[in-house]
PDB file of N, CA and C in Angstrom:
ATOM      1  N   UNK A   1     -11.224 -12.259   2.888  1.00  0.00           N
ATOM      2  CA  UNK A   1     -10.869 -10.884   2.617  1.00  0.00           C
ATOM      3  C   UNK A   1      -9.650 -10.529   3.478  1.00  0.00           C
ATOM      4  N   UNK A   2      -8.472 -10.526   2.890  1.00  0.00           N
ATOM      5  CA  UNK A   2      -7.269 -10.227   3.661  1.00  0.00           C
ATOM      6  C   UNK A   2      -7.100  -8.731   3.910  1.00  0.00           C
ATOM      7  N   UNK A   3      -7.905  -7.909   3.260  1.00  0.00           N
ATOM      8  CA  UNK A   3      -7.843  -6.474   3.491  1.00  0.00           C
ATOM      9  C   UNK A   3      -8.207  -6.127   4.935  1.00  0.00           C
ATOM     10  N   UNK A   4      -9.111  -6.926   5.538  1.00  0.00           N
ATOM     11  CA  UNK A   4      -9.488  -6.705   6.935  1.00  0.00           C
ATOM     12  C   UNK A   4      -8.270  -6.899   7.843  1.00  0.00           C
ATOM     13  N   UNK A   5      -7.514  -7.956   7.615  1.00  0.00           N
ATOM     14  CA  UNK A   5      -6.324  -8.186   8.454  1.00  0.00           C
ATOM     15  C   UNK A   5      -5.242  -7.137   8.174  1.00  0.00           C
ATOM     16  N   UNK A   6      -5.166  -6.636   6.955  1.00  0.00           N
ATOM     17  CA  UNK A   6      -4.225  -5.547   6.667  1.00  0.00           C
ATOM     18  C   UNK A   6      -4.589  -4.311   7.485  1.00  0.00           C
ATOM     19  N   UNK A   7      -5.879  -4.005   7.557  1.00  0.00           N
ATOM     20  CA  UNK A   7      -6.324  -2.844   8.340  1.00  0.00           C
ATOM     21  C   UNK A   7      -6.096  -3.054   9.834  1.00  0.00           C
ATOM     22  N   UNK A   8      -6.240  -4.278  10.298  1.00  0.00           N
ATOM     23  CA  UNK A   8      -5.938  -4.565  11.707  1.00  0.00           C
ATOM     24  C   UNK A   8      -4.456  -4.324  11.985  1.00  0.00           C
ATOM     25  N   UNK A   9      -3.608  -4.668  11.042  1.00  0.00           N
ATOM     26  CA  UNK A   9      -2.177  -4.391  11.172  1.00  0.00           C
ATOM     27  C   UNK A   9      -1.887  -2.905  11.176  1.00  0.00           C
ATOM     28  N   UNK A  10      -2.588  -2.159  10.336  1.00  0.00           N
ATOM     29  CA  UNK A  10      -2.433  -0.702  10.306  1.00  0.00           C
ATOM     30  C   UNK A  10      -2.820  -0.116  11.659  1.00  0.00           C
ATOM     31  N   UNK A  11      -3.931  -0.592  12.214  1.00  0.00           N
ATOM     32  CA  UNK A  11      -4.378  -0.102  13.517  1.00  0.00           C
ATOM     33  C   UNK A  11      -3.349  -0.407  14.603  1.00  0.00           C
ATOM     34  N   UNK A  12      -2.756  -1.588  14.570  1.00  0.00           N
ATOM     35  CA  UNK A  12      -1.722  -1.926  15.561  1.00  0.00           C
ATOM     36  C   UNK A  12      -0.534  -0.974  15.461  1.00  0.00           C
ATOM     37  N   UNK A  13      -0.135  -0.655  14.250  1.00  0.00           N
ATOM     38  CA  UNK A  13       0.972   0.292  14.046  1.00  0.00           C
ATOM     39  C   UNK A  13       0.594   1.666  14.578  1.00  0.00           C
ATOM     40  N   UNK A  14      -0.627   2.113  14.290  1.00  0.00           N
ATOM     41  CA  UNK A  14      -1.093   3.412  14.782  1.00  0.00           C
ATOM     42  C   UNK A  14      -1.074   3.437  16.313  1.00  0.00           C
ATOM     43  N   UNK A  15      -1.577   2.380  16.945  1.00  0.00           N
ATOM     44  CA  UNK A  15      -1.614   2.333  18.402  1.00  0.00           C
ATOM     45  C   UNK A  15      -0.207   2.338  19.008  1.00  0.00           C
ATOM     46  N   UNK A  16       0.698   1.614  18.397  1.00  0.00           N
ATOM     47  CA  UNK A  16       2.090   1.588  18.866  1.00  0.00           C
ATOM     48  C   UNK A  16       2.727   2.968  18.751  1.00  0.00           C
ATOM     49  N   UNK A  17       2.514   3.618  17.620  1.00  0.00           N
ATOM     50  CA  UNK A  17       3.083   4.961  17.409  1.00  0.00           C
ATOM     51  C   UNK A  17       2.428   5.995  18.307  1.00  0.00           C
ATOM     52  N   UNK A  18       1.129   5.828  18.596  1.00  0.00           N
ATOM     53  CA  UNK A  18       0.430   6.764  19.486  1.00  0.00           C
ATOM     54  C   UNK A  18       1.055   6.737  20.878  1.00  0.00           C
ATOM     55  N   UNK A  19       1.391   5.554  21.358  1.00  0.00           N
ATOM     56  CA  UNK A  19       2.038   5.439  22.666  1.00  0.00           C
ATOM     57  C   UNK A  19       3.445   6.036  22.623  1.00  0.00           C
ATOM     58  N   UNK A  20       4.181   5.726  21.577  1.00  0.00           N
ATOM     59  CA  UNK A  20       5.572   6.177  21.478  1.00  0.00           C
ATOM     60  C   UNK A  20       5.678   7.685  21.270  1.00  0.00           C
ATOM     61  N   UNK A  21       4.741   8.261  20.496  1.00  0.00           N
ATOM     62  CA  UNK A  21       4.855   9.670  20.133  1.00  0.00           C
ATOM     63  C   UNK A  21       3.826  10.571  20.829  1.00  0.00           C
ATOM     64  N   UNK A  22       3.030   9.980  21.721  1.00  0.00           N
ATOM     65  CA  UNK A  22       2.103  10.752  22.554  1.00  0.00           C
ATOM     66  C   UNK A  22       1.050  11.537  21.763  1.00  0.00           C
ATOM     67  N   UNK A  23       0.379  10.900  20.824  1.00  0.00           N
ATOM     68  CA  UNK A  23      -0.764  11.552  20.175  1.00  0.00           C
ATOM     69  C   UNK A  23      -2.013  10.747  20.486  1.00  0.00           C
ATOM     70  N   UNK A  24      -3.173  11.410  20.375  1.00  0.00           N
ATOM     71  CA  UNK A  24      -4.411  10.714  20.725  1.00  0.00           C
ATOM     72  C   UNK A  24      -5.506  10.809  19.678  1.00  0.00           C
ATOM     73  N   UNK A  25      -5.179  11.329  18.509  1.00  0.00           N
ATOM     74  CA  UNK A  25      -6.149  11.358  17.417  1.00  0.00           C
ATOM     75  C   UNK A  25      -5.413  11.335  16.082  1.00  0.00           C
ATOM     76  N   UNK A  26      -5.931  10.538  15.161  1.00  0.00           N
ATOM     77  CA  UNK A  26      -5.373  10.475  13.809  1.00  0.00           C
ATOM     78  C   UNK A  26      -6.368  11.126  12.862  1.00  0.00           C
ATOM     79  N   UNK A  27      -5.881  12.119  12.111  1.00  0.00           N
ATOM     80  CA  UNK A  27      -6.742  12.824  11.154  1.00  0.00           C
ATOM     81  C   UNK A  27      -6.707  12.184   9.766  1.00  0.00           C
ATOM     82  N   UNK A  28      -5.506  11.709   9.389  1.00  0.00           N
ATOM     83  CA  UNK A  28      -5.355  11.186   8.031  1.00  0.00           C
ATOM     84  C   UNK A  28      -4.294  10.104   8.021  1.00  0.00           C
ATOM     85  N   UNK A  29      -4.568   9.059   7.239  1.00  0.00           N
ATOM     86  CA  UNK A  29      -3.628   7.964   7.027  1.00  0.00           C
ATOM     87  C   UNK A  29      -3.348   7.903   5.527  1.00  0.00           C
ATOM     88  N   UNK A  30      -2.082   7.993   5.163  1.00  0.00           N
ATOM     89  CA  UNK A  30      -1.682   7.924   3.754  1.00  0.00           C
ATOM     90  C   UNK A  30      -0.949   6.601   3.537  1.00  0.00           C
ATOM     91  N   UNK A  31      -1.443   5.815   2.600  1.00  0.00           N
ATOM     92  CA  UNK A  31      -0.830   4.529   2.269  1.00  0.00           C
ATOM     93  C   UNK A  31      -0.273   4.564   0.852  1.00  0.00           C
ATOM     94  N   UNK A  32       0.874   3.948   0.660  1.00  0.00           N
ATOM     95  CA  UNK A  32       1.410   3.662  -0.676  1.00  0.00           C
ATOM     96  C   UNK A  32       1.133   2.190  -0.945  1.00  0.00           C
ATOM     97  N   UNK A  33       0.398   1.912  -2.021  1.00  0.00           N
ATOM     98  CA  UNK A  33       0.053   0.529  -2.357  1.00  0.00           C
ATOM     99  C   UNK A  33       0.437   0.278  -3.813  1.00  0.00           C
ATOM    100  N   UNK A  34       1.301  -0.694  -4.017  1.00  0.00           N
ATOM    101  CA  UNK A  34       1.738  -1.043  -5.365  1.00  0.00           C
ATOM    102  C   UNK A  34       0.639  -1.768  -6.138  1.00  0.00           C
ATOM    103  N   UNK A  35       0.621  -1.554  -7.440  1.00  0.00           N
ATOM    104  CA  UNK A  35      -0.414  -2.175  -8.274  1.00  0.00           C
ATOM    105  C   UNK A  35      -0.286  -3.700  -8.322  1.00  0.00           C
ATOM    106  N   UNK A  36       0.871  -4.223  -7.955  1.00  0.00           N
ATOM    107  CA  UNK A  36       1.063  -5.677  -7.945  1.00  0.00           C
ATOM    108  C   UNK A  36       0.898  -6.283  -6.546  1.00  0.00           C
ATOM    109  N   UNK A  37       0.461  -5.486  -5.576  1.00  0.00           N
ATOM    110  CA  UNK A  37       0.385  -5.953  -4.189  1.00  0.00           C
ATOM    111  C   UNK A  37      -0.742  -6.949  -3.942  1.00  0.00           C
ATOM    112  N   UNK A  38      -1.722  -6.989  -4.819  1.00  0.00           N
ATOM    113  CA  UNK A  38      -2.855  -7.890  -4.618  1.00  0.00           C
ATOM    114  C   UNK A  38      -3.920  -7.316  -3.698  1.00  0.00           C
ATOM    115  N   UNK A  39      -3.780  -6.056  -3.316  1.00  0.00           N
ATOM    116  CA  UNK A  39      -4.756  -5.410  -2.444  1.00  0.00           C
ATOM    117  C   UNK A  39      -5.894  -4.849  -3.292  1.00  0.00           C
ATOM    118  N   UNK A  40      -7.119  -5.190  -2.908  1.00  0.00           N
ATOM    119  CA  UNK A  40      -8.295  -4.634  -3.580  1.00  0.00           C
ATOM    120  C   UNK A  40      -8.661  -3.343  -2.861  1.00  0.00           C
ATOM    121  N   UNK A  41      -8.492  -2.223  -3.543  1.00  0.00           N
ATOM    122  CA  UNK A  41      -8.658  -0.905  -2.932  1.00  0.00           C
ATOM    123  C   UNK A  41     -10.062  -0.711  -2.343  1.00  0.00           C
ATOM    124  N   UNK A  42     -11.157  -1.012  -3.059  1.00  0.00           N
ATOM    125  CA  UNK A  42     -12.486  -0.822  -2.456  1.00  0.00           C
ATOM    126  C   UNK A  42     -12.683  -1.659  -1.188  1.00  0.00           C
ATOM    127  N   UNK A  43     -12.177  -2.871  -1.176  1.00  0.00           N
ATOM    128  CA  UNK A  43     -12.288  -3.722   0.012  1.00  0.00           C
ATOM    129  C   UNK A  43     -11.460  -3.152   1.155  1.00  0.00           C
ATOM    130  N   UNK A  44     -10.296  -2.586   0.841  1.00  0.00           N
ATOM    131  CA  UNK A  44      -9.458  -1.978   1.872  1.00  0.00           C
ATOM    132  C   UNK A  44     -10.139  -0.750   2.461  1.00  0.00           C
ATOM    133  N   UNK A  45     -10.746   0.068   1.622  1.00  0.00           N
ATOM    134  CA  UNK A  45     -11.440   1.263   2.104  1.00  0.00           C
ATOM    135  C   UNK A  45     -12.593   0.883   3.036  1.00  0.00           C
ATOM    136  N   UNK A  46     -13.361  -0.130   2.658  1.00  0.00           N
ATOM    137  CA  UNK A  46     -14.457  -0.604   3.502  1.00  0.00           C
ATOM    138  C   UNK A  46     -13.919  -1.146   4.823  1.00  0.00           C
ATOM    139  N   UNK A  47     -12.900  -1.976   4.747  1.00  0.00           N
ATOM    140  CA  UNK A  47     -12.315  -2.592   5.943  1.00  0.00           C
ATOM    141  C   UNK A  47     -11.724  -1.541   6.871  1.00  0.00           C
ATOM    142  N   UNK A  48     -11.103  -0.523   6.302  1.00  0.00           N
ATOM    143  CA  UNK A  48     -10.504   0.551   7.102  1.00  0.00           C
ATOM    144  C   UNK A  48     -11.568   1.212   7.969  1.00  0.00           C
ATOM    145  N   UNK A  49     -12.689   1.530   7.357  1.00  0.00           N
ATOM    146  CA  UNK A  49     -13.785   2.172   8.095  1.00  0.00           C
ATOM    147  C   UNK A  49     -14.279   1.279   9.234  1.00  0.00           C
ATOM    148  N   UNK A  50     -14.429  -0.014   8.969  1.00  0.00           N
ATOM    149  CA  UNK A  50     -14.928  -0.949   9.977  1.00  0.00           C
ATOM    150  C   UNK A  50     -13.914  -1.135  11.105  1.00  0.00           C
ATOM    151  N   UNK A  51     -12.662  -1.377  10.762  1.00  0.00           N
ATOM    152  CA  UNK A  51     -11.632  -1.679  11.763  1.00  0.00           C
ATOM    153  C   UNK A  51     -11.315  -0.463  12.638  1.00  0.00           C
ATOM    154  N   UNK A  52     -11.367   0.731  12.081  1.00  0.00           N
ATOM    155  CA  UNK A  52     -10.991   1.931  12.833  1.00  0.00           C
ATOM    156  C   UNK A  52     -12.081   2.412  13.789  1.00  0.00           C
ATOM    157  N   UNK A  53     -13.295   1.877  13.685  1.00  0.00           N
ATOM    158  CA  UNK A  53     -14.382   2.296  14.587  1.00  0.00           C
ATOM    159  C   UNK A  53     -13.979   2.107  16.038  1.00  0.00           C
ATOM    160  N   UNK A  54     -14.229   3.143  16.839  1.00  0.00           N
ATOM    161  CA  UNK A  54     -13.927   3.073  18.260  1.00  0.00           C
ATOM    162  C   UNK A  54     -12.459   3.267  18.606  1.00  0.00           C
ATOM    163  N   UNK A  55     -11.624   3.554  17.619  1.00  0.00           N
ATOM    164  CA  UNK A  55     -10.190   3.743  17.860  1.00  0.00           C
ATOM    165  C   UNK A  55      -9.825   5.219  17.712  1.00  0.00           C
ATOM    166  N   UNK A  56      -8.569   5.540  17.946  1.00  0.00           N
ATOM    167  CA  UNK A  56      -8.113   6.926  17.779  1.00  0.00           C
ATOM    168  C   UNK A  56      -8.103   7.355  16.310  1.00  0.00           C
ATOM    169  N   UNK A  57      -8.312   6.414  15.413  1.00  0.00           N
ATOM    170  CA  UNK A  57      -8.338   6.719  13.977  1.00  0.00           C
ATOM    171  C   UNK A  57      -9.748   6.619  13.404  1.00  0.00           C
ATOM    172  N   UNK A  58     -10.754   6.658  14.280  1.00  0.00           N
ATOM    173  CA  UNK A  58     -12.141   6.474  13.823  1.00  0.00           C
ATOM    174  C   UNK A  58     -12.550   7.512  12.782  1.00  0.00           C
ATOM    175  N   UNK A  59     -12.150   8.744  12.944  1.00  0.00           N
ATOM    176  CA  UNK A  59     -12.527   9.811  12.016  1.00  0.00           C
ATOM    177  C   UNK A  59     -11.460  10.076  10.948  1.00  0.00           C
ATOM    178  N   UNK A  60     -10.461   9.236  10.882  1.00  0.00           N
ATOM    179  CA  UNK A  60      -9.333   9.477   9.966  1.00  0.00           C
ATOM    180  C   UNK A  60      -9.750   9.321   8.508  1.00  0.00           C
ATOM    181  N   UNK A  61      -9.228  10.213   7.704  1.00  0.00           N
ATOM    182  CA  UNK A  61      -9.382  10.128   6.251  1.00  0.00           C
ATOM    183  C   UNK A  61      -8.326   9.145   5.742  1.00  0.00           C
ATOM    184  N   UNK A  62      -8.714   8.277   4.826  1.00  0.00           N
ATOM    185  CA  UNK A  62      -7.772   7.338   4.213  1.00  0.00           C
ATOM    186  C   UNK A  62      -7.418   7.837   2.827  1.00  0.00           C
ATOM    187  N   UNK A  63      -6.133   8.038   2.597  1.00  0.00           N
ATOM    188  CA  UNK A  63      -5.643   8.437   1.273  1.00  0.00           C
ATOM    189  C   UNK A  63      -4.743   7.329   0.750  1.00  0.00           C
ATOM    190  N   UNK A  64      -5.016   6.875  -0.463  1.00  0.00           N
ATOM    191  CA  UNK A  64      -4.238   5.781  -1.045  1.00  0.00           C
ATOM    192  C   UNK A  64      -3.529   6.270  -2.302  1.00  0.00           C
ATOM    193  N   UNK A  65      -2.220   6.098  -2.314  1.00  0.00           N
ATOM    194  CA  UNK A  65      -1.413   6.392  -3.496  1.00  0.00           C
ATOM    195  C   UNK A  65      -1.086   5.065  -4.172  1.00  0.00           C
ATOM    196  N   UNK A  66      -1.547   4.884  -5.401  1.00  0.00           N
ATOM    197  CA  UNK A  66      -1.215   3.657  -6.131  1.00  0.00           C
ATOM    198  C   UNK A  66       0.148   3.828  -6.780  1.00  0.00           C
ATOM    199  N   UNK A  67       1.042   2.897  -6.467  1.00  0.00           N
ATOM    200  CA  UNK A  67       2.417   2.953  -6.949  1.00  0.00           C
ATOM    201  C   UNK A  67       2.548   2.057  -8.185  1.00  0.00           C
ATOM    202  N   UNK A  68       3.000   2.603  -9.306  1.00  0.00           N
ATOM    203  CA  UNK A  68       3.171   1.778 -10.503  1.00  0.00           C
ATOM    204  C   UNK A  68       4.273   0.743 -10.315  1.00  0.00           C
ATOM    205  N   UNK A  69       4.185  -0.313 -11.079  1.00  0.00           N
ATOM    206  CA  UNK A  69       5.169  -1.396 -10.980  1.00  0.00           C
ATOM    207  C   UNK A  69       6.314  -1.159 -11.958  1.00  0.00           C
ATOM    208  N   UNK A  70       7.520  -1.360 -11.450  1.00  0.00           N
ATOM    209  CA  UNK A  70       8.727  -1.278 -12.264  1.00  0.00           C
ATOM    210  C   UNK A  70       9.405  -2.636 -12.246  1.00  0.00           C
ATOM    211  N   UNK A  71      10.018  -2.982 -13.370  1.00  0.00           N
ATOM    212  CA  UNK A  71      10.753  -4.242 -13.465  1.00  0.00           C
ATOM    213  C   UNK A  71      12.016  -3.993 -14.277  1.00  0.00           C
ATOM    214  N   UNK A  72      13.002  -4.822 -13.996  1.00  0.00           N
ATOM    215  CA  UNK A  72      14.251  -4.759 -14.740  1.00  0.00           C
ATOM    216  C   UNK A  72      14.263  -5.917 -15.721  1.00  0.00           C
ATOM    217  N   UNK A  73      14.474  -5.605 -16.989  1.00  0.00           N
ATOM    218  CA  UNK A  73      14.507  -6.626 -18.038  1.00  0.00           C
ATOM    219  C   UNK A  73      15.924  -7.171 -18.163  1.00  0.00           C
ATOM    220  N   UNK A  74      16.062  -8.475 -17.978  1.00  0.00           N
ATOM    221  CA  UNK A  74      17.372  -9.111 -18.078  1.00  0.00           C
ATOM    222  C   UNK A  74      17.876  -9.153 -19.525  1.00  0.00           C
ATOM    223  N   UNK A  75      16.946  -9.147 -20.471  1.00  0.00           N
ATOM    224  CA  UNK A  75      17.317  -9.247 -21.884  1.00  0.00           C
ATOM    225  C   UNK A  75      17.877  -7.925 -22.423  1.00  0.00           C
ATOM    226  N   UNK A  76      17.135  -6.830 -22.216  1.00  0.00           N
ATOM    227  CA  UNK A  76      17.583  -5.552 -22.795  1.00  0.00           C
ATOM    228  C   UNK A  76      18.212  -4.626 -21.751  1.00  0.00           C
ATOM    229  N   UNK A  77      18.303  -5.086 -20.498  1.00  0.00           N
ATOM    230  CA  UNK A  77      18.931  -4.334 -19.407  1.00  0.00           C
ATOM    231  C   UNK A  77      18.317  -2.950 -19.216  1.00  0.00           C
ATOM    232  N   UNK A  78      16.991  -2.900 -19.287  1.00  0.00           N
ATOM    233  CA  UNK A  78      16.275  -1.639 -19.140  1.00  0.00           C
ATOM    234  C   UNK A  78      15.272  -1.752 -18.002  1.00  0.00           C
ATOM    235  N   UNK A  79      15.015  -0.653 -17.328  1.00  0.00           N
ATOM    236  CA  UNK A  79      13.969  -0.599 -16.315  1.00  0.00           C
ATOM    237  C   UNK A  79      12.678  -0.176 -17.008  1.00  0.00           C
ATOM    238  N   UNK A  80      11.628  -0.979 -16.835  1.00  0.00           N
ATOM    239  CA  UNK A  80      10.377  -0.741 -17.555  1.00  0.00           C
ATOM    240  C   UNK A  80       9.190  -0.751 -16.590  1.00  0.00           C
ATOM    241  N   UNK A  81       8.099  -0.129 -17.013  1.00  0.00           N
ATOM    242  CA  UNK A  81       6.857  -0.153 -16.253  1.00  0.00           C
ATOM    243  C   UNK A  81       6.017  -1.328 -16.729  1.00  0.00           C
ATOM    244  N   UNK A  82       5.471  -2.096 -15.774  1.00  0.00           N
ATOM    245  CA  UNK A  82       4.588  -3.220 -16.111  1.00  0.00           C
ATOM    246  C   UNK A  82       3.251  -3.018 -15.416  1.00  0.00           C
ATOM    247  N   UNK A  83       2.210  -3.583 -15.998  1.00  0.00           N
ATOM    248  CA  UNK A  83       0.870  -3.437 -15.445  1.00  0.00           C
ATOM    249  C   UNK A  83       0.469  -4.627 -14.586  1.00  0.00           C
ATOM    250  N   UNK A  84       1.051  -5.784 -14.871  1.00  0.00           N
ATOM    251  CA  UNK A  84       0.765  -6.980 -14.079  1.00  0.00           C
ATOM    252  C   UNK A  84       1.943  -7.936 -14.160  1.00  0.00           C
ATOM    253  N   UNK A  85       1.978  -8.874 -13.217  1.00  0.00           N
ATOM    254  CA  UNK A  85       3.055  -9.869 -13.219  1.00  0.00           C
ATOM    255  C   UNK A  85       2.999 -10.683 -14.510  1.00  0.00           C
ATOM    256  N   UNK A  86       4.129 -11.108 -14.933  1.00  0.00           N
ATOM    257  CA  UNK A  86       4.290 -11.971 -16.111  1.00  0.00           C
ATOM    258  C   UNK A  86       3.972 -11.262 -17.425  1.00  0.00           C
ATOM    259  N   UNK A  87       3.921  -9.932 -17.403  1.00  0.00           N
ATOM    260  CA  UNK A  87       3.846  -9.183 -18.651  1.00  0.00           C
ATOM    261  C   UNK A  87       5.179  -9.304 -19.371  1.00  0.00           C
ATOM    262  N   UNK A  88       5.140  -9.149 -20.676  1.00  0.00           N
ATOM    263  CA  UNK A  88       6.371  -9.097 -21.464  1.00  0.00           C
ATOM    264  C   UNK A  88       6.978  -7.706 -21.348  1.00  0.00           C
ATOM    265  N   UNK A  89       8.268  -7.622 -21.570  1.00  0.00           N
ATOM    266  CA  UNK A  89       8.950  -6.329 -21.594  1.00  0.00           C
ATOM    267  C   UNK A  89       8.369  -5.489 -22.732  1.00  0.00           C
ATOM    268  N   UNK A  90       7.941  -4.273 -22.455  1.00  0.00           N
ATOM    269  CA  UNK A  90       7.388  -3.442 -23.525  1.00  0.00           C
ATOM    270  C   UNK A  90       8.439  -2.975 -24.534  1.00  0.00           C
ATOM    271  N   UNK A  91       9.708  -3.114 -24.176  1.00  0.00           N
ATOM    272  CA  UNK A  91      10.785  -2.687 -25.078  1.00  0.00           C
ATOM    273  C   UNK A  91      11.216  -3.801 -26.041  1.00  0.00           C
ATOM    274  N   UNK A  92      11.432  -5.024 -25.503  1.00  0.00           N
ATOM    275  CA  UNK A  92      12.001  -6.089 -26.341  1.00  0.00           C
ATOM    276  C   UNK A  92      11.127  -7.344 -26.434  1.00  0.00           C
ATOM    277  N   UNK A  93      10.064  -7.430 -25.616  1.00  0.00           N
ATOM    278  CA  UNK A  93       9.178  -8.595 -25.664  1.00  0.00           C
ATOM    279  C   UNK A  93       9.615  -9.766 -24.797  1.00  0.00           C
ATOM    280  N   UNK A  94      10.736  -9.652 -24.114  1.00  0.00           N
ATOM    281  CA  UNK A  94      11.226 -10.732 -23.270  1.00  0.00           C
ATOM    282  C   UNK A  94      10.340 -10.896 -22.030  1.00  0.00           C
ATOM    283  N   UNK A  95      10.291 -12.119 -21.521  1.00  0.00           N
ATOM    284  CA  UNK A  95       9.557 -12.392 -20.287  1.00  0.00           C
ATOM    285  C   UNK A  95      10.506 -12.545 -19.097  1.00  0.00           C
ATOM    286  N   UNK A  96      11.753 -12.199 -19.284  1.00  0.00           N
ATOM    287  CA  UNK A  96      12.745 -12.300 -18.212  1.00  0.00           C
ATOM    288  C   UNK A  96      12.804 -10.968 -17.455  1.00  0.00           C
ATOM    289  N   UNK A  97      11.752 -10.726 -16.682  1.00  0.00           N
ATOM    290  CA  UNK A  97      11.651  -9.484 -15.930  1.00  0.00           C
ATOM    291  C   UNK A  97      11.757  -9.764 -14.436  1.00  0.00           C
ATOM    292  N   UNK A  98      12.436  -8.889 -13.742  1.00  0.00           N
ATOM    293  CA  UNK A  98      12.539  -8.967 -12.292  1.00  0.00           C
ATOM    294  C   UNK A  98      11.869  -7.718 -11.714  1.00  0.00           C
ATOM    295  N   UNK A  99      10.769  -7.915 -10.989  1.00  0.00           N
ATOM    296  CA  UNK A  99      10.028  -6.799 -10.405  1.00  0.00           C
ATOM    297  C   UNK A  99      10.894  -6.100  -9.368  1.00  0.00           C
ATOM    298  N   UNK A 100      10.983  -4.774  -9.469  1.00  0.00           N
ATOM    299  CA  UNK A 100      11.786  -4.004  -8.522  1.00  0.00           C
ATOM    300  C   UNK A 100      10.936  -3.101  -7.628  1.00  0.00           C
ATOM    301  N   UNK A 101       9.711  -2.809  -8.046  1.00  0.00           N
ATOM    302  CA  UNK A 101       8.796  -2.039  -7.199  1.00  0.00           C
ATOM    303  C   UNK A 101       7.376  -2.239  -7.706  1.00  0.00           C
ATOM    304  N   UNK A 102       6.421  -1.878  -6.855  1.00  0.00           N
ATOM    305  CA  UNK A 102       5.020  -1.992  -7.235  1.00  0.00           C
ATOM    306  C   UNK A 102       4.300  -3.119  -6.531  1.00  0.00           C
ATOM    307  N   UNK A 103       5.008  -3.878  -5.680  1.00  0.00           N
ATOM    308  CA  UNK A 103       4.353  -4.956  -4.939  1.00  0.00           C
ATOM    309  C   UNK A 103       4.303  -4.654  -3.441  1.00  0.00           C
ATOM    310  N   UNK A 104       4.591  -3.389  -3.079  1.00  0.00           N
ATOM    311  CA  UNK A 104       4.661  -3.023  -1.677  1.00  0.00           C
ATOM    312  C   UNK A 104       3.351  -2.412  -1.170  1.00  0.00           C
ATOM    313  N   UNK A 105       3.238  -2.391   0.145  1.00  0.00           N
ATOM    314  CA  UNK A 105       2.191  -1.641   0.830  1.00  0.00           C
ATOM    315  C   UNK A 105       2.818  -1.085   2.090  1.00  0.00           C
ATOM    316  N   UNK A 106       2.742   0.250   2.262  1.00  0.00           N
ATOM    317  CA  UNK A 106       3.339   0.837   3.455  1.00  0.00           C
ATOM    318  C   UNK A 106       2.555   2.079   3.878  1.00  0.00           C
ATOM    319  N   UNK A 107       2.649   2.354   5.165  1.00  0.00           N
ATOM    320  CA  UNK A 107       2.095   3.594   5.676  1.00  0.00           C
ATOM    321  C   UNK A 107       3.109   4.680   5.379  1.00  0.00           C
ATOM    322  N   UNK A 108       2.711   5.608   4.554  1.00  0.00           N
ATOM    323  CA  UNK A 108       3.627   6.683   4.168  1.00  0.00           C
ATOM    324  C   UNK A 108       3.573   7.838   5.154  1.00  0.00           C
ATOM    325  N   UNK A 109       2.362   8.106   5.667  1.00  0.00           N
ATOM    326  CA  UNK A 109       2.223   9.302   6.506  1.00  0.00           C
ATOM    327  C   UNK A 109       1.021   9.148   7.431  1.00  0.00           C
ATOM    328  N   UNK A 110       1.151   9.686   8.633  1.00  0.00           N
ATOM    329  CA  UNK A 110       0.041   9.826   9.575  1.00  0.00           C
ATOM    330  C   UNK A 110      -0.061  11.285   9.954  1.00  0.00           C
ATOM    331  N   UNK A 111      -1.238  11.862   9.794  1.00  0.00           N
ATOM    332  CA  UNK A 111      -1.484  13.220  10.262  1.00  0.00           C
ATOM    333  C   UNK A 111      -2.227  13.091  11.587  1.00  0.00           C
ATOM    334  N   UNK A 112      -1.655  13.635  12.647  1.00  0.00           N
ATOM    335  CA  UNK A 112      -2.172  13.383  13.987  1.00  0.00           C
ATOM    336  C   UNK A 112      -2.359  14.694  14.770  1.00  0.00           C
ATOM    337  N   UNK A 113      -3.107  14.568  15.866  1.00  0.00           N
ATOM    338  CA  UNK A 113      -3.271  15.643  16.846  1.00  0.00           C
ATOM    339  C   UNK A 113      -2.670  15.192  18.152  1.00  0.00           C
TER     340      UNK A 113
END
């Protein structure tokens, strides 16, 4: 389950920012997660709760924004939405797509005290 290690990374970032910005409690963590990132949301939610225990983010609410995937079609030169890797272009049927977004995971916002 790589979601556990993702949450450990999130906690490290929170701890680093807490020292740099002088806060001691996190109320809410907002993540942007692309649909092509390979992250299983229920596993991430479970892991977040486990990893944050005993930390400054123990009571933090986790909010996840799922980011749709966009790809550029080399055949029709259009930007299109895709649901999974290796989908055909919904406009022309070509498989020559270059993913431009939707595979990312980032901390978008921390609400702190």
